[in-house]
C-alpha atoms as a PDB file:
ATOM      1  CA  UNK A   1      27.053   8.699 -19.966  1.00  0.00           C
ATOM      2  CA  UNK A   2      29.308  11.067 -18.068  1.00  0.00           C
ATOM      3  CA  UNK A   3      32.733  10.666 -16.525  1.00  0.00           C
ATOM      4  CA  UNK A   4      33.824  11.507 -13.008  1.00  0.00           C
ATOM      5  CA  UNK A   5      35.104   9.502 -10.119  1.00  0.00           C
ATOM      6  CA  UNK A   6      32.882   6.490  -9.596  1.00  0.00           C
ATOM      7  CA  UNK A   7      32.284   5.840  -5.946  1.00  0.00           C
ATOM      8  CA  UNK A   8      29.176   3.654  -5.893  1.00  0.00           C
ATOM      9  CA  UNK A   9      27.120   1.111  -7.790  1.00  0.00           C
ATOM     10  CA  UNK A  10      23.541   2.266  -8.138  1.00  0.00           C
ATOM     11  CA  UNK A  11      20.649  -0.157  -8.520  1.00  0.00           C
ATOM     12  CA  UNK A  12      17.209   0.362 -10.040  1.00  0.00           C
ATOM     13  CA  UNK A  13      15.378   0.286  -6.690  1.00  0.00           C
ATOM     14  CA  UNK A  14      17.206   3.399  -5.482  1.00  0.00           C
ATOM     15  CA  UNK A  15      16.938   5.106  -8.861  1.00  0.00           C
ATOM     16  CA  UNK A  16      13.179   4.670  -9.262  1.00  0.00           C
ATOM     17  CA  UNK A  17      12.540   5.803  -5.685  1.00  0.00           C
ATOM     18  CA  UNK A  18      13.676   9.261  -6.887  1.00  0.00           C
ATOM     19  CA  UNK A  19      10.748   9.376  -9.329  1.00  0.00           C
ATOM     20  CA  UNK A  20       8.023   8.204  -6.944  1.00  0.00           C
ATOM     21  CA  UNK A  21       6.279  11.168  -5.332  1.00  0.00           C
ATOM     22  CA  UNK A  22       4.455   8.878  -2.880  1.00  0.00           C
ATOM     23  CA  UNK A  23       7.670   7.282  -1.614  1.00  0.00           C
ATOM     24  CA  UNK A  24      10.059   8.767   0.911  1.00  0.00           C
ATOM     25  CA  UNK A  25      13.232   6.734   1.274  1.00  0.00           C
ATOM     26  CA  UNK A  26      16.142   8.367   3.174  1.00  0.00           C
ATOM     27  CA  UNK A  27      18.845   6.239   1.482  1.00  0.00           C
ATOM     28  CA  UNK A  28      17.536   7.055  -2.004  1.00  0.00           C
ATOM     29  CA  UNK A  29      17.297  10.752  -1.158  1.00  0.00           C
ATOM     30  CA  UNK A  30      20.849  10.761   0.217  1.00  0.00           C
ATOM     31  CA  UNK A  31      22.224   9.035  -2.896  1.00  0.00           C
ATOM     32  CA  UNK A  32      20.358  11.477  -5.156  1.00  0.00           C
ATOM     33  CA  UNK A  33      21.905  14.458  -3.332  1.00  0.00           C
ATOM     34  CA  UNK A  34      25.421  13.142  -3.926  1.00  0.00           C
ATOM     35  CA  UNK A  35      25.133  11.505  -7.354  1.00  0.00           C
ATOM     36  CA  UNK A  36      25.540  14.844  -9.147  1.00  0.00           C
ATOM     37  CA  UNK A  37      28.961  15.371  -7.549  1.00  0.00           C
ATOM     38  CA  UNK A  38      30.196  11.795  -7.560  1.00  0.00           C
ATOM     39  CA  UNK A  39      29.480   9.511 -10.494  1.00  0.00           C
ATOM     40  CA  UNK A  40      27.796   6.155 -10.167  1.00  0.00           C
ATOM     41  CA  UNK A  41      28.219   2.949 -12.127  1.00  0.00           C
ATOM     42  CA  UNK A  42      25.432   0.651 -13.255  1.00  0.00           C
ATOM     43  CA  UNK A  43      25.284  -2.615 -15.196  1.00  0.00           C
ATOM     44  CA  UNK A  44      23.543  -2.605 -18.585  1.00  0.00           C
ATOM     45  CA  UNK A  45      20.435  -4.231 -17.062  1.00  0.00           C
ATOM     46  CA  UNK A  46      19.821  -1.052 -15.012  1.00  0.00           C
ATOM     47  CA  UNK A  47      18.267   0.873 -17.926  1.00  0.00           C
ATOM     48  CA  UNK A  48      15.846  -1.969 -18.614  1.00  0.00           C
ATOM     49  CA  UNK A  49      14.935  -2.374 -14.959  1.00  0.00           C
ATOM     50  CA  UNK A  50      14.370   1.352 -14.421  1.00  0.00           C
ATOM     51  CA  UNK A  51      12.110   1.570 -17.477  1.00  0.00           C
ATOM     52  CA  UNK A  52      10.220  -1.585 -16.498  1.00  0.00           C
ATOM     53  CA  UNK A  53       9.609  -0.424 -12.926  1.00  0.00           C
ATOM     54  CA  UNK A  54       8.384   2.947 -14.197  1.00  0.00           C
ATOM     55  CA  UNK A  55       5.950   1.324 -16.658  1.00  0.00           C
ATOM     56  CA  UNK A  56       4.664  -1.054 -13.953  1.00  0.00           C
ATOM     57  CA  UNK A  57       4.071   1.934 -11.666  1.00  0.00           C
ATOM     58  CA  UNK A  58       2.300   3.807 -14.472  1.00  0.00           C
ATOM     59  CA  UNK A  59      -0.089   0.857 -14.754  1.00  0.00           C
ATOM     60  CA  UNK A  60      -0.701   0.995 -10.997  1.00  0.00           C
ATOM     61  CA  UNK A  61      -1.416   4.718 -11.184  1.00  0.00           C
ATOM     62  CA  UNK A  62       1.571   5.711  -9.024  1.00  0.00           C
ATOM     63  CA  UNK A  63       3.200   7.848 -11.736  1.00  0.00           C
ATOM     64  CA  UNK A  64       2.022   9.518 -14.932  1.00  0.00           C
ATOM     65  CA  UNK A  65       3.621   8.540 -18.246  1.00  0.00           C
ATOM     66  CA  UNK A  66       4.766  12.130 -18.789  1.00  0.00           C
ATOM     67  CA  UNK A  67       6.511  12.092 -15.384  1.00  0.00           C
ATOM     68  CA  UNK A  68       8.246   8.809 -16.265  1.00  0.00           C
ATOM     69  CA  UNK A  69       9.441  10.260 -19.549  1.00  0.00           C
ATOM     70  CA  UNK A  70      10.738  13.442 -17.872  1.00  0.00           C
ATOM     71  CA  UNK A  71      12.521  11.348 -15.248  1.00  0.00           C
ATOM     72  CA  UNK A  72      14.294   9.257 -17.913  1.00  0.00           C
ATOM     73  CA  UNK A  73      15.513  12.449 -19.615  1.00  0.00           C
ATOM     74  CA  UNK A  74      16.785  13.742 -16.246  1.00  0.00           C
ATOM     75  CA  UNK A  75      18.725  10.500 -15.741  1.00  0.00           C
ATOM     76  CA  UNK A  76      20.584  11.133 -19.002  1.00  0.00           C
ATOM     77  CA  UNK A  77      22.043  14.308 -17.475  1.00  0.00           C
ATOM     78  CA  UNK A  78      23.332  12.547 -14.356  1.00  0.00           C
ATOM     79  CA  UNK A  79      26.905  11.260 -14.099  1.00  0.00           C
ATOM     80  CA  UNK A  80      25.932   7.598 -14.351  1.00  0.00           C
ATOM     81  CA  UNK A  81      28.302   5.302 -16.215  1.00  0.00           C
ATOM     82  CA  UNK A  82      26.786   2.201 -17.786  1.00  0.00           C
ATOM     83  CA  UNK A  83      29.347  -0.587 -17.491  1.00  0.00           C
ATOM     84  CA  UNK A  84      29.270  -2.636 -20.716  1.00  0.00           C
ATOM     85  CA  UNK A  85      31.129  -5.611 -19.256  1.00  0.00           C
ATOM     86  CA  UNK A  86      29.180  -8.710 -18.306  1.00  0.00           C
ATOM     87  CA  UNK A  87      30.708 -11.539 -16.312  1.00  0.00           C
ATOM     88  CA  UNK A  88      28.784 -14.075 -18.377  1.00  0.00           C
ATOM     89  CA  UNK A  89      30.343 -17.087 -16.696  1.00  0.00           C
ATOM     90  CA  UNK A  90      30.633 -15.717 -13.183  1.00  0.00           C
ATOM     91  CA  UNK A  91      27.227 -14.032 -12.897  1.00  0.00           C
ATOM     92  CA  UNK A  92      25.039 -17.167 -12.967  1.00  0.00           C
ATOM     93  CA  UNK A  93      27.316 -18.777 -10.390  1.00  0.00           C
ATOM     94  CA  UNK A  94      27.197 -15.638  -8.242  1.00  0.00           C
ATOM     95  CA  UNK A  95      23.381 -15.727  -8.486  1.00  0.00           C
ATOM     96  CA  UNK A  96      23.324 -19.392  -7.449  1.00  0.00           C
ATOM     97  CA  UNK A  97      25.687 -18.870  -4.502  1.00  0.00           C
ATOM     98  CA  UNK A  98      23.946 -15.739  -3.247  1.00  0.00           C
ATOM     99  CA  UNK A  99      20.337 -16.757  -3.885  1.00  0.00           C
ATOM    100  CA  UNK A 100      19.836 -13.680  -6.097  1.00  0.00           C
ATOM    101  CA  UNK A 101      18.277 -13.349  -9.522  1.00  0.00           C
ATOM    102  CA  UNK A 102      20.834 -13.020 -12.299  1.00  0.00           C
ATOM    103  CA  UNK A 103      19.573  -9.430 -12.709  1.00  0.00           C
ATOM    104  CA  UNK A 104      20.451  -8.539  -9.119  1.00  0.00           C
ATOM    105  CA  UNK A 105      23.698 -10.493  -9.334  1.00  0.00           C
ATOM    106  CA  UNK A 106      24.746  -8.052 -12.103  1.00  0.00           C
ATOM    107  CA  UNK A 107      24.833  -5.217  -9.519  1.00  0.00           C
ATOM    108  CA  UNK A 108      26.752  -7.325  -7.014  1.00  0.00           C
ATOM    109  CA  UNK A 109      29.164  -8.470  -9.724  1.00  0.00           C
ATOM    110  CA  UNK A 110      29.894  -4.855 -10.718  1.00  0.00           C
ATOM    111  CA  UNK A 111      30.464  -3.821  -7.094  1.00  0.00           C
ATOM    112  CA  UNK A 112      32.814  -6.772  -6.566  1.00  0.00           C
ATOM    113  CA  UNK A 113      34.769  -6.228  -9.808  1.00  0.00           C
ATOM    114  CA  UNK A 114      35.294  -2.511  -9.189  1.00  0.00           C
ATOM    115  CA  UNK A 115      35.565  -2.602  -5.399  1.00  0.00           C
ATOM    116  CA  UNK A 116      32.693  -0.138  -5.018  1.00  0.00           C
ATOM    117  CA  UNK A 117      29.985   0.229  -2.386  1.00  0.00           C
ATOM    118  CA  UNK A 118      26.435  -0.582  -3.418  1.00  0.00           C
ATOM    119  CA  UNK A 119      23.319   1.585  -3.120  1.00  0.00           C
ATOM    120  CA  UNK A 120      20.224  -0.618  -3.047  1.00  0.00           C
ATOM    121  CA  UNK A 121      16.878  -0.854  -1.269  1.00  0.00           C
ATOM    122  CA  UNK A 122      16.550  -4.558  -2.134  1.00  0.00           C
ATOM    123  CA  UNK A 123      16.817  -6.648   1.044  1.00  0.00           C
ATOM    124  CA  UNK A 124      18.089  -9.823  -0.661  1.00  0.00           C
ATOM    125  CA  UNK A 125      20.728  -7.863  -2.550  1.00  0.00           C
ATOM    126  CA  UNK A 126      21.786  -6.089   0.656  1.00  0.00           C
ATOM    127  CA  UNK A 127      22.172  -9.475   2.423  1.00  0.00           C
ATOM    128  CA  UNK A 128      24.165 -10.935  -0.474  1.00  0.00           C
ATOM    129  CA  UNK A 129      26.409  -7.857  -0.621  1.00  0.00           C
ATOM    130  CA  UNK A 130      27.149  -8.089   3.106  1.00  0.00           C
ATOM    131  CA  UNK A 131      27.968 -11.797   2.723  1.00  0.00           C
ATOM    132  CA  UNK A 132      30.301 -11.023  -0.172  1.00  0.00           C
ATOM    133  CA  UNK A 133      32.067  -8.259   1.756  1.00  0.00           C
ATOM    134  CA  UNK A 134      30.686  -5.415  -0.390  1.00  0.00           C
ATOM    135  CA  UNK A 135      30.162  -2.137   1.454  1.00  0.00           C
ATOM    136  CA  UNK A 136      26.611  -0.820   1.465  1.00  0.00           C
ATOM    137  CA  UNK A 137      25.547   2.797   1.424  1.00  0.00           C
ATOM    138  CA  UNK A 138      23.302   3.442   4.414  1.00  0.00           C
END
C-alpha cells in the first residue's frame, strides 16, 4: 500500500467499524482520524477478514453491497501497509499460549515483532496483548 511511519497495528474489528453506519465506537473513530497521517500495519489475513465481515454484515442487512465496495476502494487510498511476513512456527504457539485464534494471533505477532501498539475492539485480543506487554490504543 503506502509508506509512512508505522505507529500501530490495525485489526479488522476497528477497520470494519468505520464502515458501519449503525455503530459508534470511539476507539475506531479516533484511529480513523489519525490513520491518514500515520500509517498502520496489518497482517495479510486483514484483507480477508475485512471482506468477510463486510459480506456477513451485508447478509444481515447492516450494510449495502455498494457501500462495502466503496469502503474497500477507500481503504486502498489509506496508508496501510500489509506485512507479508508470517511467523509460521511461532503463530500457532502464540495462539495456544494466548488462547486466541491463529487469525487473531497474526495481529499480536505483528505488534510483537515490530514493537507497535495494537488497535483492536476484540476483547480476547486486547487481553492477550496486555499479557504479552503490547501497548493498546485506547
